[in-house]
Amino acid sequence: MFAIFRKKKKFFTEEDNQLIVKAIGLAEHQTSGEVRVFIESHCSWVDAIDRAAEIFFSLKMEKTEQRNAVLVYVAIKDRQLAVFGDEGIHHKVGDAYWNKVVGEMLTSFNTNNYAEGISNCVIQIGEALKTHFPFNKDTDINELPDEIVFGR
């Protein structure tokens, strides 16, 4: 009944938020690609990669010109995560790359270093995007917001 008065749950400290947003900015500064981070509490009744795909399309991330956007998805309480790359970047790096960055993020998560794990993952994704979609100062624009998206 009084749900509108509830405080929004904070997943990270302000310092952690800044670390992740800074990593997004650094990653995107080198590429025409886009990276977004989506954090929520639960990923109930669905596989994390399916939830990541659902969020990816709801955020209209497939609308980037070169189809080179990547979503880093984390469900904190359910301890699930996924990285979902659009077709442009996926065709360049493949499943083995996504599995590698997820594995490295899990290593950080296992020591409760969530913000560090996410920011390192974003930086690695930025490197892959830079390799395949380098930044062009004359044509590239920031197509998607850099802030973290927080779900339920």
N, C-alpha and C. Protein backbone atom coordinates (compact mmCIF):
# COMPACT_ATOMS: atom_id res chain seq x y z
N MET A 1 0.82 -1.18 0.00
CA MET A 1 0.00 0.00 0.00
C MET A 1 0.87 1.26 0.00
N PHE A 2 1.97 1.25 0.72
CA PHE A 2 2.83 2.42 0.79
C PHE A 2 4.12 2.21 0.00
N ALA A 3 4.04 1.44 -1.07
CA ALA A 3 5.22 1.12 -1.87
C ALA A 3 5.89 2.38 -2.44
N ILE A 4 5.12 3.41 -2.68
CA ILE A 4 5.72 4.61 -3.26
C ILE A 4 6.63 5.33 -2.28
N PHE A 5 6.51 5.01 -1.01
CA PHE A 5 7.34 5.67 0.00
C PHE A 5 8.59 4.88 0.36
N ARG A 6 8.72 3.68 -0.20
CA ARG A 6 9.90 2.87 0.10
C ARG A 6 11.13 3.47 -0.55
N LYS A 7 12.24 3.38 0.17
CA LYS A 7 13.49 3.85 -0.39
C LYS A 7 13.95 2.87 -1.46
N LYS A 8 14.49 3.40 -2.53
CA LYS A 8 15.04 2.55 -3.57
C LYS A 8 16.28 1.84 -3.02
N LYS A 9 16.34 0.54 -3.26
CA LYS A 9 17.45 -0.25 -2.75
C LYS A 9 18.76 0.16 -3.42
N LYS A 10 19.78 0.28 -2.62
CA LYS A 10 21.11 0.60 -3.15
C LYS A 10 21.90 -0.69 -3.22
N PHE A 11 22.39 -0.99 -4.40
CA PHE A 11 23.19 -2.19 -4.59
C PHE A 11 24.66 -1.93 -4.29
N PHE A 12 25.11 -0.70 -4.57
CA PHE A 12 26.52 -0.36 -4.43
C PHE A 12 26.67 0.97 -3.70
N THR A 13 27.87 1.19 -3.19
CA THR A 13 28.18 2.50 -2.62
C THR A 13 28.32 3.49 -3.78
N GLU A 14 28.33 4.75 -3.47
CA GLU A 14 28.52 5.77 -4.51
C GLU A 14 29.87 5.59 -5.18
N GLU A 15 30.88 5.23 -4.40
CA GLU A 15 32.22 4.98 -4.96
C GLU A 15 32.19 3.82 -5.96
N ASP A 16 31.46 2.74 -5.61
CA ASP A 16 31.33 1.59 -6.52
C ASP A 16 30.62 2.00 -7.80
N ASN A 17 29.53 2.77 -7.66
CA ASN A 17 28.80 3.25 -8.84
C ASN A 17 29.72 4.04 -9.75
N GLN A 18 30.51 4.93 -9.16
CA GLN A 18 31.42 5.77 -9.95
C GLN A 18 32.48 4.92 -10.65
N LEU A 19 32.97 3.88 -9.98
CA LEU A 19 33.96 2.98 -10.57
C LEU A 19 33.39 2.34 -11.84
N ILE A 20 32.16 1.86 -11.77
CA ILE A 20 31.53 1.19 -12.91
C ILE A 20 31.25 2.18 -14.03
N VAL A 21 30.68 3.33 -13.70
CA VAL A 21 30.36 4.34 -14.73
C VAL A 21 31.64 4.84 -15.40
N LYS A 22 32.70 5.01 -14.62
CA LYS A 22 33.99 5.42 -15.19
C LYS A 22 34.50 4.36 -16.16
N ALA A 23 34.36 3.09 -15.80
CA ALA A 23 34.80 2.00 -16.69
C ALA A 23 34.01 2.02 -17.99
N ILE A 24 32.71 2.29 -17.92
CA ILE A 24 31.90 2.38 -19.13
C ILE A 24 32.42 3.51 -20.02
N GLY A 25 32.65 4.66 -19.42
CA GLY A 25 33.16 5.79 -20.18
C GLY A 25 34.51 5.51 -20.83
N LEU A 26 35.41 4.88 -20.08
CA LEU A 26 36.73 4.54 -20.61
C LEU A 26 36.62 3.54 -21.75
N ALA A 27 35.77 2.55 -21.58
CA ALA A 27 35.59 1.53 -22.62
C ALA A 27 35.04 2.16 -23.90
N GLU A 28 34.05 3.02 -23.76
CA GLU A 28 33.40 3.60 -24.93
C GLU A 28 34.24 4.70 -25.59
N HIS A 29 35.18 5.26 -24.87
CA HIS A 29 36.02 6.33 -25.42
C HIS A 29 36.91 5.82 -26.55
N GLN A 30 37.12 4.51 -26.61
CA GLN A 30 38.04 3.93 -27.58
C GLN A 30 37.33 3.24 -28.74
N THR A 31 35.99 3.26 -28.76
CA THR A 31 35.26 2.46 -29.72
C THR A 31 33.95 3.12 -30.11
N SER A 32 33.40 2.67 -31.22
CA SER A 32 32.05 3.10 -31.59
C SER A 32 31.01 2.25 -30.88
N GLY A 33 31.45 1.18 -30.23
CA GLY A 33 30.55 0.28 -29.51
C GLY A 33 29.97 0.92 -28.26
N GLU A 34 28.95 0.29 -27.72
CA GLU A 34 28.26 0.78 -26.53
C GLU A 34 28.19 -0.34 -25.49
N VAL A 35 28.38 0.04 -24.23
CA VAL A 35 28.29 -0.91 -23.12
C VAL A 35 27.30 -0.36 -22.11
N ARG A 36 26.40 -1.22 -21.64
CA ARG A 36 25.48 -0.83 -20.57
C ARG A 36 25.57 -1.89 -19.48
N VAL A 37 25.29 -1.48 -18.26
CA VAL A 37 25.27 -2.39 -17.12
C VAL A 37 23.89 -2.31 -16.50
N PHE A 38 23.28 -3.49 -16.29
CA PHE A 38 21.96 -3.58 -15.68
C PHE A 38 22.06 -4.45 -14.44
N ILE A 39 21.63 -3.89 -13.30
CA ILE A 39 21.71 -4.60 -12.01
C ILE A 39 20.30 -4.72 -11.43
N GLU A 40 19.96 -5.90 -10.95
CA GLU A 40 18.71 -6.09 -10.22
C GLU A 40 18.92 -7.15 -9.15
N SER A 41 17.92 -7.31 -8.30
CA SER A 41 18.03 -8.27 -7.21
C SER A 41 17.87 -9.71 -7.67
N HIS A 42 16.80 -9.95 -8.42
CA HIS A 42 16.42 -11.33 -8.75
C HIS A 42 16.27 -11.55 -10.24
N CYS A 43 16.54 -12.78 -10.62
CA CYS A 43 16.34 -13.26 -11.99
C CYS A 43 15.54 -14.55 -11.87
N SER A 44 14.32 -14.41 -11.40
CA SER A 44 13.50 -15.58 -11.08
C SER A 44 12.84 -16.18 -12.31
N TRP A 45 12.79 -17.47 -12.33
CA TRP A 45 12.07 -18.25 -13.33
C TRP A 45 12.56 -18.08 -14.75
N VAL A 46 13.76 -17.58 -14.93
CA VAL A 46 14.29 -17.43 -16.27
C VAL A 46 15.82 -17.53 -16.20
N ASP A 47 16.42 -18.03 -17.26
CA ASP A 47 17.86 -18.11 -17.36
C ASP A 47 18.44 -16.70 -17.48
N ALA A 48 19.60 -16.48 -16.91
CA ALA A 48 20.21 -15.14 -16.90
C ALA A 48 20.45 -14.61 -18.31
N ILE A 49 20.86 -15.45 -19.24
CA ILE A 49 21.10 -14.97 -20.60
C ILE A 49 19.78 -14.58 -21.27
N ASP A 50 18.71 -15.31 -20.97
CA ASP A 50 17.39 -14.94 -21.50
C ASP A 50 16.92 -13.61 -20.92
N ARG A 51 17.16 -13.41 -19.63
CA ARG A 51 16.79 -12.15 -18.99
C ARG A 51 17.64 -11.01 -19.57
N ALA A 52 18.93 -11.26 -19.79
CA ALA A 52 19.80 -10.24 -20.37
C ALA A 52 19.30 -9.85 -21.77
N ALA A 53 18.91 -10.84 -22.56
CA ALA A 53 18.39 -10.55 -23.90
C ALA A 53 17.11 -9.72 -23.82
N GLU A 54 16.23 -10.08 -22.90
CA GLU A 54 14.98 -9.33 -22.71
C GLU A 54 15.28 -7.87 -22.37
N ILE A 55 16.20 -7.65 -21.47
CA ILE A 55 16.57 -6.29 -21.06
C ILE A 55 17.26 -5.56 -22.21
N PHE A 56 18.15 -6.25 -22.90
CA PHE A 56 18.87 -5.67 -24.03
C PHE A 56 17.89 -5.05 -25.03
N PHE A 57 16.88 -5.82 -25.40
CA PHE A 57 15.91 -5.34 -26.38
C PHE A 57 14.95 -4.31 -25.79
N SER A 58 14.63 -4.42 -24.51
CA SER A 58 13.76 -3.41 -23.90
C SER A 58 14.47 -2.06 -23.78
N LEU A 59 15.81 -2.08 -23.66
CA LEU A 59 16.59 -0.84 -23.63
C LEU A 59 16.92 -0.34 -25.04
N LYS A 60 16.43 -1.07 -26.04
CA LYS A 60 16.63 -0.72 -27.45
C LYS A 60 18.11 -0.66 -27.84
N MET A 61 18.88 -1.56 -27.24
CA MET A 61 20.31 -1.58 -27.51
C MET A 61 20.64 -2.11 -28.90
N GLU A 62 19.71 -2.80 -29.53
CA GLU A 62 19.94 -3.30 -30.89
C GLU A 62 19.87 -2.19 -31.93
N LYS A 63 19.53 -0.99 -31.52
CA LYS A 63 19.38 0.14 -32.44
C LYS A 63 20.70 0.84 -32.77
N THR A 64 21.82 0.38 -32.18
CA THR A 64 23.09 1.02 -32.53
C THR A 64 23.40 0.77 -34.00
N GLU A 65 24.04 1.73 -34.61
CA GLU A 65 24.26 1.69 -36.05
C GLU A 65 25.01 0.44 -36.50
N GLN A 66 26.04 0.04 -35.76
CA GLN A 66 26.85 -1.11 -36.17
C GLN A 66 26.49 -2.40 -35.42
N ARG A 67 25.39 -2.36 -34.66
CA ARG A 67 24.94 -3.53 -33.90
C ARG A 67 26.07 -4.06 -33.01
N ASN A 68 26.72 -3.10 -32.30
CA ASN A 68 27.89 -3.44 -31.49
C ASN A 68 27.72 -3.05 -30.03
N ALA A 69 26.51 -3.18 -29.53
CA ALA A 69 26.25 -2.88 -28.11
C ALA A 69 26.37 -4.17 -27.30
N VAL A 70 26.75 -3.99 -26.02
CA VAL A 70 26.91 -5.13 -25.12
C VAL A 70 26.26 -4.78 -23.78
N LEU A 71 25.50 -5.72 -23.25
CA LEU A 71 24.87 -5.55 -21.94
C LEU A 71 25.52 -6.49 -20.94
N VAL A 72 25.94 -5.93 -19.80
CA VAL A 72 26.44 -6.72 -18.67
C VAL A 72 25.28 -6.77 -17.69
N TYR A 73 24.77 -7.97 -17.44
CA TYR A 73 23.60 -8.17 -16.59
C TYR A 73 23.99 -8.92 -15.31
N VAL A 74 23.52 -8.40 -14.15
CA VAL A 74 23.79 -9.05 -12.88
C VAL A 74 22.53 -9.04 -12.02
N ALA A 75 22.15 -10.22 -11.52
CA ALA A 75 21.09 -10.36 -10.53
C ALA A 75 21.79 -10.70 -9.21
N ILE A 76 21.96 -9.69 -8.36
CA ILE A 76 22.79 -9.79 -7.16
C ILE A 76 22.33 -10.91 -6.21
N LYS A 77 21.10 -10.86 -5.76
CA LYS A 77 20.65 -11.83 -4.75
C LYS A 77 20.57 -13.25 -5.28
N ASP A 78 20.25 -13.40 -6.55
CA ASP A 78 20.18 -14.74 -7.14
C ASP A 78 21.53 -15.24 -7.64
N ARG A 79 22.55 -14.37 -7.54
CA ARG A 79 23.90 -14.73 -7.93
C ARG A 79 23.95 -15.26 -9.37
N GLN A 80 23.31 -14.50 -10.26
CA GLN A 80 23.32 -14.84 -11.67
C GLN A 80 23.84 -13.66 -12.47
N LEU A 81 24.48 -13.96 -13.57
CA LEU A 81 24.97 -12.90 -14.44
C LEU A 81 25.07 -13.41 -15.85
N ALA A 82 25.13 -12.46 -16.77
CA ALA A 82 25.29 -12.78 -18.19
C ALA A 82 25.84 -11.56 -18.90
N VAL A 83 26.48 -11.81 -20.03
CA VAL A 83 26.91 -10.75 -20.91
C VAL A 83 26.26 -11.05 -22.26
N PHE A 84 25.54 -10.06 -22.78
CA PHE A 84 24.81 -10.23 -24.03
C PHE A 84 25.32 -9.21 -25.05
N GLY A 85 25.91 -9.70 -26.13
CA GLY A 85 26.41 -8.82 -27.17
C GLY A 85 25.55 -8.90 -28.42
N ASP A 86 25.34 -7.76 -29.04
CA ASP A 86 24.56 -7.70 -30.28
C ASP A 86 25.29 -8.44 -31.39
N GLU A 87 24.60 -8.64 -32.50
CA GLU A 87 25.14 -9.49 -33.56
C GLU A 87 26.45 -8.98 -34.16
N GLY A 88 26.64 -7.67 -34.24
CA GLY A 88 27.88 -7.14 -34.81
C GLY A 88 29.11 -7.57 -34.04
N ILE A 89 29.09 -7.40 -32.73
CA ILE A 89 30.24 -7.78 -31.91
C ILE A 89 30.27 -9.30 -31.68
N HIS A 90 29.12 -9.92 -31.55
CA HIS A 90 29.10 -11.37 -31.31
C HIS A 90 29.76 -12.12 -32.47
N HIS A 91 29.50 -11.70 -33.69
CA HIS A 91 30.11 -12.37 -34.85
C HIS A 91 31.63 -12.21 -34.86
N LYS A 92 32.13 -11.16 -34.22
CA LYS A 92 33.58 -10.93 -34.18
C LYS A 92 34.27 -11.73 -33.07
N VAL A 93 33.61 -11.86 -31.90
CA VAL A 93 34.31 -12.48 -30.76
C VAL A 93 33.82 -13.88 -30.41
N GLY A 94 32.56 -14.19 -30.63
CA GLY A 94 32.02 -15.52 -30.40
C GLY A 94 31.80 -15.90 -28.95
N ASP A 95 31.22 -17.07 -28.76
CA ASP A 95 30.84 -17.57 -27.43
C ASP A 95 32.02 -17.72 -26.48
N ALA A 96 33.16 -18.16 -26.99
CA ALA A 96 34.32 -18.39 -26.12
C ALA A 96 34.73 -17.10 -25.42
N TYR A 97 34.68 -15.98 -26.12
CA TYR A 97 35.04 -14.70 -25.50
C TYR A 97 34.08 -14.35 -24.39
N TRP A 98 32.77 -14.46 -24.65
CA TRP A 98 31.77 -14.11 -23.63
C TRP A 98 31.95 -15.00 -22.40
N ASN A 99 32.18 -16.29 -22.62
CA ASN A 99 32.39 -17.20 -21.50
C ASN A 99 33.62 -16.81 -20.68
N LYS A 100 34.66 -16.35 -21.35
CA LYS A 100 35.89 -15.93 -20.66
C LYS A 100 35.62 -14.71 -19.77
N VAL A 101 34.95 -13.67 -20.30
CA VAL A 101 34.73 -12.48 -19.48
C VAL A 101 33.76 -12.76 -18.34
N VAL A 102 32.77 -13.63 -18.57
CA VAL A 102 31.87 -14.01 -17.48
C VAL A 102 32.64 -14.77 -16.41
N GLY A 103 33.52 -15.68 -16.80
CA GLY A 103 34.33 -16.43 -15.84
C GLY A 103 35.20 -15.53 -15.00
N GLU A 104 35.80 -14.53 -15.61
CA GLU A 104 36.64 -13.59 -14.86
C GLU A 104 35.81 -12.72 -13.92
N MET A 105 34.61 -12.37 -14.36
CA MET A 105 33.73 -11.60 -13.48
C MET A 105 33.31 -12.46 -12.28
N LEU A 106 33.04 -13.72 -12.51
CA LEU A 106 32.68 -14.63 -11.42
C LEU A 106 33.80 -14.76 -10.39
N THR A 107 35.04 -14.77 -10.86
CA THR A 107 36.18 -14.84 -9.95
C THR A 107 36.15 -13.67 -8.97
N SER A 108 35.89 -12.48 -9.46
CA SER A 108 35.78 -11.30 -8.58
C SER A 108 34.57 -11.41 -7.67
N PHE A 109 33.46 -11.88 -8.21
CA PHE A 109 32.24 -12.01 -7.42
C PHE A 109 32.43 -13.00 -6.28
N ASN A 110 33.21 -14.04 -6.51
CA ASN A 110 33.44 -15.05 -5.47
C ASN A 110 34.17 -14.49 -4.27
N THR A 111 34.83 -13.34 -4.44
CA THR A 111 35.49 -12.67 -3.31
C THR A 111 34.73 -11.40 -2.91
N ASN A 112 33.46 -11.35 -3.33
CA ASN A 112 32.54 -10.23 -3.02
C ASN A 112 33.02 -8.89 -3.57
N ASN A 113 33.78 -8.90 -4.64
CA ASN A 113 34.23 -7.68 -5.30
C ASN A 113 33.37 -7.44 -6.54
N TYR A 114 32.10 -7.13 -6.30
CA TYR A 114 31.14 -6.99 -7.39
C TYR A 114 31.47 -5.81 -8.31
N ALA A 115 31.65 -4.64 -7.75
CA ALA A 115 31.91 -3.46 -8.57
C ALA A 115 33.22 -3.61 -9.35
N GLU A 116 34.23 -4.15 -8.70
CA GLU A 116 35.50 -4.38 -9.38
C GLU A 116 35.34 -5.38 -10.51
N GLY A 117 34.61 -6.45 -10.25
CA GLY A 117 34.37 -7.47 -11.29
C GLY A 117 33.63 -6.91 -12.48
N ILE A 118 32.61 -6.11 -12.21
CA ILE A 118 31.84 -5.50 -13.29
C ILE A 118 32.70 -4.52 -14.07
N SER A 119 33.42 -3.67 -13.37
CA SER A 119 34.23 -2.66 -14.07
C SER A 119 35.34 -3.32 -14.89
N ASN A 120 35.97 -4.35 -14.37
CA ASN A 120 37.00 -5.07 -15.14
C ASN A 120 36.39 -5.73 -16.38
N CYS A 121 35.21 -6.28 -16.23
CA CYS A 121 34.50 -6.90 -17.36
C CYS A 121 34.22 -5.85 -18.43
N VAL A 122 33.71 -4.69 -18.01
CA VAL A 122 33.41 -3.61 -18.94
C VAL A 122 34.66 -3.16 -19.69
N ILE A 123 35.78 -3.04 -18.98
CA ILE A 123 37.03 -2.63 -19.62
C ILE A 123 37.48 -3.67 -20.64
N GLN A 124 37.35 -4.96 -20.31
CA GLN A 124 37.72 -6.01 -21.26
C GLN A 124 36.83 -5.97 -22.50
N ILE A 125 35.54 -5.75 -22.29
CA ILE A 125 34.62 -5.64 -23.41
C ILE A 125 35.00 -4.44 -24.28
N GLY A 126 35.37 -3.35 -23.62
CA GLY A 126 35.82 -2.17 -24.36
C GLY A 126 37.02 -2.46 -25.24
N GLU A 127 37.95 -3.27 -24.74
CA GLU A 127 39.12 -3.65 -25.53
C GLU A 127 38.71 -4.45 -26.77
N ALA A 128 37.79 -5.39 -26.60
CA ALA A 128 37.31 -6.17 -27.76
C ALA A 128 36.58 -5.27 -28.75
N LEU A 129 35.77 -4.36 -28.23
CA LEU A 129 35.06 -3.43 -29.12
C LEU A 129 36.06 -2.53 -29.85
N LYS A 130 37.08 -2.08 -29.16
CA LYS A 130 38.11 -1.22 -29.78
C LYS A 130 38.81 -1.96 -30.92
N THR A 131 39.10 -3.23 -30.71
CA THR A 131 39.77 -4.03 -31.74
C THR A 131 38.91 -4.13 -33.00
N HIS A 132 37.63 -4.36 -32.83
CA HIS A 132 36.75 -4.64 -33.98
C HIS A 132 35.96 -3.42 -34.46
N PHE A 133 35.78 -2.44 -33.58
CA PHE A 133 35.02 -1.24 -33.91
C PHE A 133 35.73 -0.01 -33.33
N PRO A 134 36.89 0.34 -33.89
CA PRO A 134 37.65 1.46 -33.32
C PRO A 134 36.89 2.79 -33.41
N PHE A 135 37.21 3.67 -32.49
CA PHE A 135 36.57 4.98 -32.42
C PHE A 135 36.98 5.85 -33.60
N ASN A 136 36.02 6.54 -34.17
CA ASN A 136 36.28 7.50 -35.24
C ASN A 136 35.74 8.84 -34.76
N LYS A 137 36.62 9.77 -34.47
CA LYS A 137 36.21 11.06 -33.88
C LYS A 137 35.28 11.86 -34.78
N ASP A 138 35.31 11.59 -36.08
CA ASP A 138 34.48 12.34 -37.01
C ASP A 138 33.05 11.81 -37.12
N THR A 139 32.86 10.53 -36.82
CA THR A 139 31.53 9.95 -37.04
C THR A 139 30.88 9.36 -35.80
N ASP A 140 31.65 8.99 -34.79
CA ASP A 140 31.09 8.28 -33.65
C ASP A 140 30.46 9.22 -32.63
N ILE A 141 29.32 8.79 -32.13
CA ILE A 141 28.62 9.51 -31.06
C ILE A 141 28.27 8.51 -29.98
N ASN A 142 28.03 9.00 -28.77
CA ASN A 142 27.59 8.14 -27.68
C ASN A 142 26.10 7.88 -27.89
N GLU A 143 25.76 6.69 -28.37
CA GLU A 143 24.38 6.38 -28.74
C GLU A 143 23.50 6.01 -27.55
N LEU A 144 24.10 5.54 -26.47
CA LEU A 144 23.32 5.09 -25.30
C LEU A 144 23.90 5.70 -24.03
N PRO A 145 23.06 5.92 -23.02
CA PRO A 145 23.55 6.49 -21.75
C PRO A 145 24.58 5.58 -21.09
N ASP A 146 25.49 6.17 -20.31
CA ASP A 146 26.55 5.42 -19.64
C ASP A 146 26.21 4.99 -18.22
N GLU A 147 25.17 5.55 -17.64
CA GLU A 147 24.89 5.23 -16.23
C GLU A 147 24.39 3.79 -16.08
N ILE A 148 24.55 3.28 -14.89
CA ILE A 148 24.06 1.94 -14.55
C ILE A 148 22.54 1.98 -14.53
N VAL A 149 21.93 0.93 -15.05
CA VAL A 149 20.47 0.82 -14.99
C VAL A 149 20.16 -0.15 -13.85
N PHE A 150 19.34 0.30 -12.91
CA PHE A 150 18.96 -0.54 -11.78
C PHE A 150 17.52 -1.01 -11.96
N GLY A 151 17.34 -2.32 -11.86
CA GLY A 151 16.01 -2.90 -11.96
C GLY A 151 15.42 -3.12 -10.58
N ARG A 152 14.57 -4.06 -10.47
CA ARG A 152 13.85 -4.36 -9.24
C ARG A 152 14.70 -5.10 -8.22
